[in-house]
């Protein structure tokens, strides 16, 4: 039977409000089709109508009512069914609205409680201090776990650095030894910047070249060689009589030129420093580093050897070499590795890993 015929039957028997009356081959549709064709219904079908509450159709199918009586009773039955369905629908909608209202109220209450808890927490002095400490550590790339016995000392150092105050020698020693794990690049740079500004300020006050030399050393370590170069360029060192201060000045300025990539000037200044203080290892270290950076490895090693003879430690030299190697491009790394491993494969074995 087509859909239109099913719908027509459903309307005819006042059952068009029931979904089952529109489904092809459903039990109810089958019953309606038999009734329409004047065929008798089985006892199971008649019982089914009774169980479904279709009493008008049950009586009509059982020959207990005429067609007119059926139509009157079926229409009244359908009206009542529709009213009941509408009431049930409204009741469900009201229940759903109530559940939604309750849910929203619960969410609002939970949000208010969470907000109150957050505000209380944010007013808690311990929490405020904790947040400040976290932000302070983050500024210096120290988000890792801090050992309990190091925490107070490290935080005191960070607060002073953050306030632009100088560290004591004891603090610097601690950072270089026990607290080395927390001596981050950013903290190290901040420390050297503060020291550089202090010594630069002292130089401006008394024009003592040693203050400019100290400031320049810290500027270099804080990656501010350009500022150091400008500062040192204001000094007429030739007027000074002390070979020691002249040598220190030339060595420091040579290091600055080296950082700026001005290798020839760095070598020239290193040689001047060496002529003035030939027993000082520092000019030798500078010259050795420049030669290594420019690929003249034999000369570089000769000058490093002179530095060791004059008091430089092999550990410091190896640290310098590692720094030079790590900053070099791939071709220079390959050349430097091949040379040093050829000289001493045990001492320079670490180069094999890069």
Protein backbone atom coordinates (compact mmCIF):
# COMPACT_ATOMS: atom_id res chain seq x y z
CA UNK A 1 0.00 0.00 0.00
CA UNK A 2 1.31 3.47 -0.88
CA UNK A 3 2.02 6.06 1.73
CA UNK A 4 -0.96 8.15 0.69
CA UNK A 5 -3.34 5.23 1.16
CA UNK A 6 -1.86 4.51 4.58
CA UNK A 7 -2.37 8.12 5.58
CA UNK A 8 -5.94 8.03 4.22
CA UNK A 9 -6.71 4.91 6.27
CA UNK A 10 -5.18 6.51 9.38
CA UNK A 11 -7.39 9.57 8.95
CA UNK A 12 -10.47 7.49 8.19
CA UNK A 13 -10.09 5.49 11.41
CA UNK A 14 -9.09 8.56 13.48
CA UNK A 15 -5.61 7.18 14.07
CA UNK A 16 -3.52 9.69 12.13
CA UNK A 17 -2.00 10.92 15.43
CA UNK A 18 -0.35 7.51 15.95
CA UNK A 19 3.04 6.92 14.22
CA UNK A 20 2.29 3.20 13.82
CA UNK A 21 -0.64 4.02 11.57
CA UNK A 22 1.74 5.43 8.93
CA UNK A 23 4.39 2.68 8.86
CA UNK A 24 4.01 0.18 5.97
CA UNK A 25 3.42 -3.42 7.08
CA UNK A 26 3.19 -2.43 10.73
CA UNK A 27 0.77 -4.41 12.88
CA UNK A 28 -1.67 -1.51 13.10
CA UNK A 29 -1.59 -0.80 9.36
CA UNK A 30 -2.19 -4.49 8.61
CA UNK A 31 -5.25 -4.44 10.89
CA UNK A 32 -6.63 -1.32 9.21
CA UNK A 33 -6.13 -2.84 5.77
CA UNK A 34 -8.07 -5.97 6.73
CA UNK A 35 -10.88 -3.89 8.21
CA UNK A 36 -11.03 -1.75 5.07
CA UNK A 37 -11.25 -4.91 2.94
CA UNK A 38 -14.01 -6.33 5.16
CA UNK A 39 -11.83 -9.22 6.30
CA UNK A 40 -12.17 -10.67 9.80
CA UNK A 41 -9.46 -10.04 12.42
CA UNK A 42 -7.78 -12.72 14.44
CA UNK A 43 -8.33 -12.90 18.19
CA UNK A 44 -4.72 -11.75 18.63
CA UNK A 45 -5.39 -8.63 16.52
CA UNK A 46 -8.54 -7.80 18.49
CA UNK A 47 -6.68 -8.30 21.77
CA UNK A 48 -3.88 -6.07 20.45
CA UNK A 49 -6.36 -3.22 19.81
CA UNK A 50 -7.66 -3.54 23.35
CA UNK A 51 -4.17 -3.52 24.84
CA UNK A 52 -3.31 -0.41 22.78
CA UNK A 53 -6.29 1.42 24.23
CA UNK A 54 -8.01 1.67 20.84
CA UNK A 55 -11.34 0.75 22.37
CA UNK A 56 -13.59 2.32 19.72
CA UNK A 57 -11.79 0.34 16.98
CA UNK A 58 -11.83 -2.76 19.22
CA UNK A 59 -15.62 -2.58 19.55
CA UNK A 60 -16.07 -1.90 15.87
CA UNK A 61 -13.79 -4.81 14.90
CA UNK A 62 -15.71 -7.02 17.32
CA UNK A 63 -19.00 -5.97 15.64
CA UNK A 64 -20.14 -4.35 18.88
CA UNK A 65 -20.69 -0.91 17.32
CA UNK A 66 -21.98 0.50 14.10
CA UNK A 67 -19.82 2.63 11.80
CA UNK A 68 -21.51 5.81 13.04
CA UNK A 69 -21.01 4.82 16.67
CA UNK A 70 -17.41 3.95 15.87
CA UNK A 71 -16.73 7.30 14.22
CA UNK A 72 -18.23 9.19 17.14
CA UNK A 73 -16.34 7.16 19.73
CA UNK A 74 -13.07 7.13 17.73
CA UNK A 75 -13.11 10.90 17.26
CA UNK A 76 -13.66 11.46 20.99
CA UNK A 77 -10.94 8.93 21.74
CA UNK A 78 -8.53 10.66 19.40
CA UNK A 79 -9.28 14.08 20.90
CA UNK A 80 -8.56 12.67 24.35
CA UNK A 81 -5.37 11.00 23.08
CA UNK A 82 -4.16 14.25 21.56
CA UNK A 83 -4.96 16.14 24.75
CA UNK A 84 -3.10 13.57 26.81
CA UNK A 85 -0.14 13.67 24.40
CA UNK A 86 -0.09 17.48 24.51
CA UNK A 87 -0.23 17.47 28.30
CA UNK A 88 2.57 14.92 28.41
CA UNK A 89 4.59 17.00 25.97
CA UNK A 90 4.12 20.14 28.05
CA UNK A 91 4.99 18.24 31.20
CA UNK A 92 8.20 16.94 29.61
CA UNK A 93 9.09 20.40 28.33
CA UNK A 94 8.47 21.86 31.78
CA UNK A 95 10.57 19.12 33.35
CA UNK A 96 13.35 19.77 30.82
CA UNK A 97 13.19 23.51 31.51
CA UNK A 98 13.36 22.82 35.22
CA UNK A 99 16.35 20.52 34.75
CA UNK A 100 18.05 23.17 32.59
CA UNK A 101 17.33 25.87 35.17
CA UNK A 102 18.71 23.63 37.90
CA UNK A 103 21.78 22.82 35.81
CA UNK A 104 22.46 26.50 35.12
CA UNK A 105 21.98 27.32 38.79
CA UNK A 106 24.45 24.58 39.75
CA UNK A 107 26.97 25.82 37.19
CA UNK A 108 26.56 29.41 38.42
CA UNK A 109 26.98 28.31 42.02
CA UNK A 110 30.09 26.29 41.14
CA UNK A 111 31.53 29.26 39.24
CA UNK A 112 30.82 31.60 42.14
CA UNK A 113 32.46 29.18 44.56
CA UNK A 114 35.47 28.81 42.26
CA UNK A 115 35.72 32.59 41.89
CA UNK A 116 35.49 33.08 45.65
CA UNK A 117 38.15 30.43 46.20
CA UNK A 118 40.38 32.03 43.56
CA UNK A 119 39.96 35.51 45.07
CA UNK A 120 40.70 34.15 48.53
CA UNK A 121 43.77 32.40 47.20
CA UNK A 122 44.94 35.52 45.36
CA UNK A 123 44.71 37.47 48.62
CA UNK A 124 46.70 34.86 50.51
CA UNK A 125 50.18 36.28 51.28
CA UNK A 126 51.79 32.86 50.79
CA UNK A 127 50.16 32.46 47.38
CA UNK A 128 51.14 36.01 46.36
CA UNK A 129 54.73 35.31 47.35
CA UNK A 130 54.66 32.00 45.47
CA UNK A 131 53.41 33.65 42.26
CA UNK A 132 56.01 36.41 42.53
CA UNK A 133 58.73 33.83 42.98
CA UNK A 134 57.51 31.86 39.97
CA UNK A 135 57.46 34.97 37.76
CA UNK A 136 60.89 36.00 39.00
CA UNK A 137 62.38 32.57 38.23
CA UNK A 138 60.71 32.56 34.80
CA UNK A 139 62.36 35.89 33.95
CA UNK A 140 65.72 34.21 34.35
CA UNK A 141 64.78 30.90 32.69
CA UNK A 142 64.74 29.02 35.98
CA UNK A 143 61.48 27.10 35.71
CA UNK A 144 63.10 23.82 36.75
CA UNK A 145 62.85 22.27 40.20
CA UNK A 146 64.97 24.12 42.76
CA UNK A 147 66.60 22.06 45.49
CA UNK A 148 65.24 23.01 48.91
CA UNK A 149 68.66 23.83 50.37
CA UNK A 150 69.38 26.16 47.43
CA UNK A 151 66.03 27.91 47.21
CA UNK A 152 66.44 30.74 49.75
CA UNK A 153 69.92 31.68 48.53
CA UNK A 154 68.93 31.60 44.86
CA UNK A 155 65.77 33.69 45.40
CA UNK A 156 67.76 36.29 47.34
CA UNK A 157 70.22 36.51 44.44
CA UNK A 158 67.40 36.80 41.88
CA UNK A 159 65.68 39.58 43.84
CA UNK A 160 68.89 41.60 44.04
CA UNK A 161 69.69 41.08 40.37
CA UNK A 162 66.12 42.01 39.41
CA UNK A 163 66.45 45.21 41.45
CA UNK A 164 69.71 46.04 39.65
CA UNK A 165 71.83 45.50 42.77
CA UNK A 166 75.30 44.00 42.68
CA UNK A 167 76.08 40.54 43.99
CA UNK A 168 78.72 39.82 46.60
CA UNK A 169 81.81 37.77 45.82
CA UNK A 170 80.28 35.04 47.99
CA UNK A 171 77.14 35.00 45.80
CA UNK A 172 79.15 34.78 42.58
CA UNK A 173 81.26 31.97 44.04
CA UNK A 174 78.08 30.09 45.03
CA UNK A 175 76.63 30.48 41.54
CA UNK A 176 79.86 29.21 40.03
CA UNK A 177 80.02 26.15 42.30
CA UNK A 178 77.10 24.79 44.30
CA UNK A 179 74.50 26.81 42.44
CA UNK A 180 75.94 26.24 38.98
CA UNK A 181 72.79 24.43 37.82
CA UNK A 182 70.86 27.66 38.35
CA UNK A 183 73.38 30.04 36.77
CA UNK A 184 71.34 30.40 33.58
CA UNK A 185 72.51 32.39 30.56
CA UNK A 186 69.94 35.08 31.31
CA UNK A 187 70.99 35.35 34.95
CA UNK A 188 74.65 35.41 33.96
CA UNK A 189 73.96 38.15 31.39
CA UNK A 190 72.04 40.23 33.95
CA UNK A 191 74.84 39.88 36.48
CA UNK A 192 77.50 41.00 33.99
CA UNK A 193 75.32 43.91 32.83
CA UNK A 194 75.01 45.20 36.40
CA UNK A 195 78.74 44.83 36.99
CA UNK A 196 79.56 46.51 33.70
CA UNK A 197 77.35 49.49 34.50
CA UNK A 198 78.86 49.78 37.97
CA UNK A 199 82.46 49.86 36.71
CA UNK A 200 81.52 52.14 33.82
CA UNK A 201 80.01 54.52 36.37
CA UNK A 202 83.16 54.39 38.46
CA UNK A 203 85.24 55.15 35.38
CA UNK A 204 83.14 58.21 34.59
CA UNK A 205 83.72 59.48 38.12
CA UNK A 206 87.46 58.98 38.48
CA UNK A 207 88.72 58.15 34.94
CA UNK A 208 90.64 55.17 36.31
CA UNK A 209 91.46 52.91 33.30
CA UNK A 210 91.17 49.83 35.51
CA UNK A 211 87.48 50.62 35.96
CA UNK A 212 87.01 50.79 32.17
CA UNK A 213 88.93 47.53 31.77
CA UNK A 214 86.72 45.81 34.37
CA UNK A 215 83.58 47.27 32.80
CA UNK A 216 84.67 46.07 29.35
CA UNK A 217 85.30 42.54 30.61
CA UNK A 218 81.75 42.40 31.94
CA UNK A 219 80.31 44.01 28.82
CA UNK A 220 81.97 41.26 26.77
CA UNK A 221 80.51 38.52 28.97
CA UNK A 222 77.13 40.17 28.62
CA UNK A 223 77.44 40.14 24.79
CA UNK A 224 77.86 43.92 24.62
CA UNK A 225 81.27 44.18 22.99
CA UNK A 226 80.18 47.23 21.00
CA UNK A 227 79.61 49.24 24.21
CA UNK A 228 82.97 48.08 25.55
CA UNK A 229 84.69 49.18 22.35
CA UNK A 230 83.23 52.68 22.60
CA UNK A 231 84.21 52.94 26.26
CA UNK A 232 87.82 51.84 25.70
CA UNK A 233 88.16 54.09 22.66
CA UNK A 234 87.74 57.12 24.93
CA UNK A 235 90.99 56.33 26.75
CA UNK A 236 94.41 57.56 25.60
CA UNK A 237 96.36 54.66 27.05
CA UNK A 238 99.68 55.84 25.60
CA UNK A 239 99.81 58.51 28.29
CA UNK A 240 99.94 55.84 31.00
CA UNK A 241 103.36 54.77 32.21
CA UNK A 242 102.53 51.44 33.84
CA UNK A 243 103.27 48.47 31.51
CA UNK A 244 100.85 46.40 33.54
CA UNK A 245 97.86 48.65 32.97
CA UNK A 246 98.78 49.13 29.32
CA UNK A 247 99.04 45.38 28.78
CA UNK A 248 95.72 44.76 30.52
CA UNK A 249 94.13 47.51 28.42
CA UNK A 250 95.47 46.12 25.14
CA UNK A 251 94.47 42.56 26.09
CA UNK A 252 90.95 43.62 27.02
CA UNK A 253 90.53 45.80 23.94
CA UNK A 254 91.92 42.96 21.84
CA UNK A 255 89.27 40.65 23.28
CA UNK A 256 86.60 43.19 22.41
CA UNK A 257 87.88 43.44 18.82
CA UNK A 258 87.90 39.66 18.64
CA UNK A 259 84.23 39.57 19.69
CA UNK A 260 83.43 42.15 17.03
CA UNK A 261 85.10 40.01 14.35
CA UNK A 262 88.01 42.41 13.86
CA UNK A 263 90.66 39.69 14.04
CA UNK A 264 93.67 41.65 12.71
CA UNK A 265 93.13 44.43 15.23
CA UNK A 266 92.70 41.84 17.97
CA UNK A 267 96.04 40.22 17.05
CA UNK A 268 97.81 43.57 16.92
CA UNK A 269 96.53 44.54 20.37
CA UNK A 270 97.41 41.12 21.77
CA UNK A 271 100.97 41.42 20.47
CA UNK A 272 101.30 44.88 22.03
CA UNK A 273 100.14 43.49 25.34
CA UNK A 274 102.58 40.59 25.12
CA UNK A 275 105.54 42.88 24.41
CA UNK A 276 104.71 44.90 27.52
CA UNK A 277 104.12 41.92 29.84
CA UNK A 278 105.76 38.93 28.23
CA UNK A 279 105.25 36.73 31.31
CA UNK A 280 101.50 37.34 31.49
CA UNK A 281 99.48 34.45 30.07
CA UNK A 282 96.45 36.57 29.15
CA UNK A 283 97.86 38.13 25.94
CA UNK A 284 99.03 34.66 24.90
CA UNK A 285 95.55 33.25 25.39
CA UNK A 286 94.04 36.07 23.30
CA UNK A 287 96.50 35.55 20.46
CA UNK A 288 96.05 31.77 20.56
CA UNK A 289 92.27 32.14 20.38
CA UNK A 290 92.40 34.48 17.38
CA UNK A 291 94.73 32.13 15.50
CA UNK A 292 92.44 29.17 16.22
CA UNK A 293 89.40 31.11 15.05
CA UNK A 294 91.11 32.04 11.80
CA UNK A 295 92.18 28.48 11.04
CA UNK A 296 95.88 28.88 11.88
CA UNK A 297 95.81 25.98 14.29
CA UNK A 298 99.56 25.39 14.68
CA UNK A 299 100.17 29.01 15.63
CA UNK A 300 97.13 28.91 17.88
CA UNK A 301 98.45 25.90 19.77
CA UNK A 302 101.90 27.45 20.10
CA UNK A 303 100.43 30.52 21.77
CA UNK A 304 98.17 28.45 23.97
CA UNK A 305 101.26 26.48 25.04
CA UNK A 306 102.94 29.77 25.95
CA UNK A 307 99.88 30.70 27.99
CA UNK A 308 100.12 27.41 29.93
CA UNK A 309 103.86 28.00 30.53
CA UNK A 310 102.93 31.39 32.03
CA UNK A 311 100.25 30.09 34.39
CA UNK A 312 97.09 29.43 32.40
CA UNK A 313 95.41 26.12 33.23
CA UNK A 314 94.92 23.46 30.57
CA UNK A 315 91.31 23.27 31.72
CA UNK A 316 90.79 26.96 30.89
CA UNK A 317 92.49 26.49 27.51
CA UNK A 318 90.31 23.47 26.72
CA UNK A 319 87.22 25.42 27.72
CA UNK A 320 88.29 28.21 25.35
CA UNK A 321 88.84 25.70 22.55
CA UNK A 322 85.44 24.13 23.13
CA UNK A 323 83.81 27.56 22.96
CA UNK A 324 85.62 28.38 19.70
CA UNK A 325 84.72 24.99 18.24
CA UNK A 326 81.03 25.24 19.15
CA UNK A 327 80.70 28.69 17.55
CA UNK A 328 82.43 27.67 14.32
CA UNK A 329 80.63 26.77 11.09
CA UNK A 330 80.61 23.17 9.87
CA UNK A 331 83.66 23.46 7.59
CA UNK A 332 85.73 25.09 10.33
CA UNK A 333 84.56 22.47 12.82
CA UNK A 334 85.70 19.69 10.51
CA UNK A 335 89.14 21.28 10.03
CA UNK A 336 89.64 22.05 13.71
CA UNK A 337 88.48 18.57 14.76
CA UNK A 338 90.83 16.85 12.32
CA UNK A 339 93.79 18.95 13.49
CA UNK A 340 93.27 18.57 17.24
CA UNK A 341 92.40 14.87 17.13
CA UNK A 342 95.61 14.39 15.16
CA UNK A 343 97.54 16.17 17.89
CA UNK A 344 95.94 14.47 20.91
CA UNK A 345 92.99 12.13 20.29
CA UNK A 346 92.54 11.47 24.02
CA UNK A 347 92.52 15.09 25.20
CA UNK A 348 90.18 16.18 22.43
CA UNK A 349 88.03 13.05 22.18
CA UNK A 350 84.88 15.10 22.96
CA UNK A 351 85.08 16.61 19.45
CA UNK A 352 84.06 13.26 17.97
CA UNK A 353 80.53 13.81 19.26
CA UNK A 354 79.97 16.97 17.17
